Protein backbone atom coordinates (compact mmCIF):
# COMPACT_ATOMS: atom_id res chain seq x y z
CA LEU A 1 -0.39 -0.08 -0.21
CA VAL A 2 1.19 3.61 -1.19
CA VAL A 3 -0.27 6.62 0.59
CA THR A 4 0.61 10.15 -0.34
CA ALA A 5 -0.47 13.45 0.70
CA GLY A 6 -0.31 16.87 -1.11
CA ALA A 7 0.97 18.39 2.26
CA GLN A 8 1.36 17.62 5.71
CA THR A 9 0.42 19.74 8.96
CA ALA A 10 1.85 17.29 11.36
CA GLY A 11 4.83 15.56 9.47
CA ARG A 12 7.10 13.74 11.78
CA TRP A 13 10.96 13.38 11.58
CA ARG A 14 13.49 11.62 13.85
CA GLU A 15 13.58 12.11 17.88
CA GLY A 16 9.90 13.63 17.43
CA ARG A 17 11.01 16.42 15.48
CA ALA A 18 8.67 17.94 12.98
CA PHE A 19 8.99 17.58 9.16
CA HIS A 20 8.22 20.52 6.75
CA SER A 21 5.88 19.25 4.15
CA PRO A 22 4.29 22.22 2.43
CA LEU A 23 2.34 21.62 -1.01
CA GLY A 24 4.56 20.76 -3.88
CA GLY A 25 6.65 18.09 -2.75
CA LEU A 26 6.43 13.58 -2.43
CA TRP A 27 5.44 13.18 0.88
CA ALA A 28 4.88 9.16 1.22
CA SER A 29 4.30 6.05 2.94
CA VAL A 30 4.98 2.57 1.66
CA THR A 31 3.90 -0.58 3.70
CA ALA A 32 5.99 -3.86 3.56
CA SER A 33 6.38 -7.06 5.62
CA SER A 34 9.67 -8.64 6.62
CA ARG A 35 10.67 -11.62 8.05
CA LEU A 36 14.24 -10.51 8.45
CA HIS A 37 15.79 -10.63 12.16
CA VAL A 38 15.42 -7.34 14.25
CA ALA A 39 18.88 -6.45 13.81
CA GLY A 40 18.38 -6.90 10.05
CA LEU A 41 15.38 -3.98 9.88
CA ALA A 42 18.19 -1.51 9.63
CA GLY A 43 18.63 -2.06 6.03
CA THR A 44 15.18 -1.03 5.57
CA GLY A 45 15.46 2.21 6.11
CA VAL A 46 19.30 2.21 4.08
CA ALA A 47 17.11 0.20 0.97
CA LEU A 48 14.84 3.43 0.84
CA ALA A 49 17.59 6.19 1.22
CA VAL A 50 19.21 4.45 -2.04
CA ALA A 51 16.42 3.79 -3.97
CA ALA A 52 15.02 7.47 -3.31
CA ALA A 53 18.39 9.07 -4.21
CA GLU A 54 18.31 7.12 -7.46
CA ALA A 55 14.62 7.99 -8.41
CA LEU A 56 15.80 11.67 -7.81
CA ARG A 57 18.74 11.65 -9.64
CA GLU A 58 17.29 9.67 -12.65
CA THR A 59 14.03 12.37 -12.16
CA THR A 60 16.37 15.35 -11.82
CA GLY A 61 19.73 15.45 -13.26
CA LEU A 62 20.57 16.82 -9.64
CA ASP A 63 23.83 15.16 -7.67
CA VAL A 64 21.56 13.55 -4.94
CA THR A 65 24.14 12.50 -2.01
CA LEU A 66 23.20 10.60 1.31
CA ARG A 67 24.11 12.54 4.75
CA TRP A 68 24.05 9.55 7.29
CA PRO A 69 21.32 8.02 8.43
CA ASN A 70 18.74 9.37 6.28
CA ASP A 71 18.87 12.97 4.72
CA LEU A 72 18.71 13.40 0.90
CA MET A 73 21.21 16.02 0.30
CA VAL A 74 22.29 18.52 -2.77
CA GLY A 75 25.11 19.73 -1.47
CA ASP A 76 25.22 21.16 1.90
CA LEU A 77 21.68 21.29 1.43
CA LYS A 78 18.97 18.99 2.34
CA LEU A 79 16.23 17.93 -0.11
CA GLY A 80 14.57 15.35 1.70
CA GLY A 81 14.44 12.84 4.19
CA VAL A 82 13.28 8.88 4.72
CA LEU A 83 11.91 7.77 8.48
CA VAL A 84 11.17 3.92 8.69
CA GLU A 85 8.56 2.88 11.52
CA SER A 86 8.26 -0.85 12.42
CA ARG A 87 5.39 -3.14 14.36
CA GLN A 88 5.44 -6.89 15.35
CA GLY A 89 2.93 -8.28 13.43
CA ASP A 90 1.67 -12.42 12.88
CA ALA A 91 3.73 -15.49 12.41
CA GLY A 92 6.89 -14.01 12.75
CA ALA A 93 6.76 -11.05 10.19
CA THR A 94 7.38 -7.30 10.87
CA ARG A 95 4.85 -4.66 9.46
CA LEU A 96 6.88 -1.93 8.12
CA VAL A 97 6.08 1.44 7.24
CA LEU A 98 8.97 3.71 4.69
CA GLY A 99 7.87 7.34 5.18
CA LEU A 100 10.10 9.58 2.42
CA GLY A 101 9.97 13.00 2.17
CA ALA A 102 11.60 14.81 -0.49
CA ASN A 103 10.98 18.76 -1.86
CA LEU A 104 10.23 19.22 -5.31
CA ALA A 105 8.45 22.56 -6.07
CA MET A 106 9.60 24.81 -2.82
CA ARG A 107 10.29 28.03 -3.92
CA ARG A 108 12.31 30.55 -1.51
CA GLN A 109 9.25 32.30 0.00
CA ASP A 110 7.89 29.02 1.11
CA LEU A 111 10.84 28.04 3.33
CA PRO A 112 10.09 28.78 7.30
CA PRO A 113 13.35 31.29 8.24
CA ASP A 114 14.89 28.25 10.56
CA LEU A 115 15.27 26.16 7.05
CA ALA A 116 16.92 29.12 5.19
CA GLY A 117 20.11 27.71 3.94
CA ILE A 118 19.27 24.40 5.46
CA ALA A 119 17.21 23.20 2.94
CA THR A 120 16.17 23.19 -0.79
CA SER A 121 14.19 21.66 -3.19
CA VAL A 122 14.44 20.48 -6.97
CA PHE A 123 13.42 23.79 -8.05
CA LEU A 124 15.38 25.77 -6.42
CA SER A 125 18.29 23.32 -7.00
CA LYS A 126 17.53 22.79 -10.62
CA GLY A 127 15.09 25.06 -12.32
CA ARG A 128 12.69 23.11 -13.38
CA HIS A 129 9.58 20.86 -12.17
CA VAL A 130 9.20 17.43 -11.13
CA SER A 131 5.77 15.99 -10.30
CA PRO A 132 5.56 13.82 -7.54
CA ASP A 133 4.16 10.98 -9.27
CA ALA A 134 7.11 10.58 -11.76
CA LEU A 135 9.77 10.61 -8.71
CA LEU A 136 7.47 7.82 -7.19
CA GLN A 137 7.34 6.10 -10.22
CA ALA A 138 10.94 6.16 -10.57
CA LEU A 139 11.55 5.10 -6.70
CA LEU A 140 8.70 2.11 -6.23
CA PRO A 141 10.24 -0.55 -8.49
CA ARG A 142 14.04 0.61 -7.32
CA LEU A 143 12.82 0.44 -3.52
CA ASP A 144 11.53 -2.78 -4.47
CA VAL A 145 14.79 -4.49 -5.69
CA HIS A 146 16.80 -3.33 -2.64
CA LEU A 147 13.72 -4.54 -0.15
CA GLU A 148 13.96 -8.22 -1.80
CA SER A 149 17.69 -8.36 -2.10
CA LEU A 150 18.30 -7.52 1.85
CA GLU A 151 15.01 -10.51 2.44
CA MET A 152 16.74 -12.78 0.22
CA GLY A 153 20.26 -11.91 2.21
CA ARG A 154 22.19 -10.14 -0.52
CA THR A 155 23.22 -7.11 1.50
CA ASP A 156 26.36 -6.54 -0.61
CA PRO A 157 25.45 -4.12 -4.32
CA LEU A 158 22.70 -2.27 -1.55
CA LEU A 159 26.12 -1.62 0.96
CA ALA A 160 28.12 -0.77 -2.11
CA ARG A 161 25.51 1.46 -3.15
CA TRP A 162 24.82 3.01 -0.01
CA ARG A 163 28.46 3.62 0.49
CA ALA A 164 29.32 4.91 -3.09
CA LEU A 165 26.40 8.23 -2.22
CA CYS A 166 27.09 8.78 1.08
CA ARG A 167 28.98 11.93 1.57
CA THR A 168 29.20 11.56 5.22
CA LEU A 169 31.49 8.91 4.77
CA GLY A 170 35.05 10.19 5.33
CA ARG A 171 33.87 13.04 6.92
CA GLN A 172 34.91 14.69 10.74
CA VAL A 173 31.72 14.22 12.31
CA THR A 174 30.61 14.35 15.87
CA VAL A 175 28.26 11.77 17.35
CA GLN A 176 26.21 11.69 20.24
CA VAL A 177 26.24 8.17 21.86
CA GLU A 178 24.29 7.93 25.27
CA GLY A 179 24.91 11.33 26.47
CA GLU A 180 28.58 11.46 25.42
CA ALA A 181 29.74 13.45 22.45
CA LEU A 182 32.43 11.49 20.23
CA THR A 183 33.99 12.99 17.09
CA GLY A 184 36.45 11.49 14.77
CA LEU A 185 36.24 10.40 10.85
CA LEU A 186 33.44 8.42 10.06
CA LYS A 187 35.65 5.50 8.73
CA ALA A 188 33.51 2.75 7.98
CA ILE A 189 29.55 2.26 7.61
CA THR A 190 27.46 -1.34 7.43
CA LEU A 191 24.01 -1.94 7.73
CA THR A 192 24.36 -1.58 11.55
CA GLU A 193 27.48 -0.27 12.75
CA ILE A 194 29.67 2.83 12.16
CA GLY A 195 33.28 3.08 12.53
CA LEU A 196 34.95 6.49 14.20
CA GLU A 197 38.72 7.05 14.19
CA THR A 198 38.24 9.10 17.34
CA ALA A 199 42.44 9.34 16.83
CA PRO A 200 44.96 8.23 14.10
CA GLY A 201 44.97 4.33 14.20
CA ALA A 202 42.07 4.43 16.94
CA LEU A 203 38.50 3.08 15.39
CA ARG A 204 36.11 2.93 17.53
CA THR A 205 32.72 0.58 16.20
CA LEU A 206 29.65 2.06 17.50
CA ALA A 207 25.80 0.40 16.87
CA ALA A 208 24.00 2.53 14.66
CA GLY A 209 21.17 2.28 17.21
CA GLN A 210 23.29 3.75 20.00
CA VAL A 211 23.82 6.96 17.35
CA SER A 212 21.16 9.53 18.62
CA ARG A 213 22.76 12.37 16.90
CA LEU A 214 25.25 12.64 13.94
CA SER A 215 26.31 15.79 12.94
CA GLU A 216 28.61 16.77 10.01
CA GLU A 217 31.81 19.16 11.21
CA PRO A 218 32.73 21.73 7.60
CA ALA A 219 35.23 20.10 5.25
CA PRO A 220 38.40 21.88 5.23
CA PRO A 221 39.23 23.70 2.41
CA GLY A 222 39.57 21.80 -1.24
CA VAL A 223 37.77 19.33 -0.06
CA SER A 224 34.43 18.20 -1.31
CA SER A 225 31.08 17.47 0.95
CA ALA A 226 31.71 13.90 -0.20
CA GLY A 227 34.99 13.96 1.71
CA GLN A 228 37.10 13.81 -1.73
CA PRO A 229 38.86 16.27 -3.49
CA PRO A 230 37.02 18.11 -5.95
CA PRO A 231 37.32 16.82 -9.42
């Protein structure tokens, strides 16, 4: 089941934060069923994020990347995000609601003051219009493929694609872990863990579920937002 809205007045985000979702975006929830172990369900959010980034790249021509764990980015501006919620169902299956929000037609005057310089839209970034239906039609087949791969235990292709799209990998970040702030290089990501280099040669492995918040530090001069020298 796929449910879309023209706009949302009470969109929810991580940690109970509000999600600004005016007219002119794709605001969608997709239901699915999974027999993955609880630890494996984290991969469903990755599957949705990768499918969304791929669909946006195809339909808009924008260089959309992913900011760990669930933000869709154009450069340093947020284009949208994903959120997955789950509930245990019957016969061992888990019911999932996979939510996606993407700013498509939002103009500068549509931005609340607290989002100025933080968020963008396809129209603001590219000067073109993409319909919510066109983006959804590009997204759903990709999502099916990535979710099926997870259910079959074929995680390597999805993980490789996620790493290629993840702008946060290789960046200096600060993470909040159980009330403690840790700063270091994000050296590794899997579907369930991150590897943080807190000092040269000192790699600390953290379960993704332990991390309540991760923020990127500004890239040094001459380094792109993907953590690599610009071409």
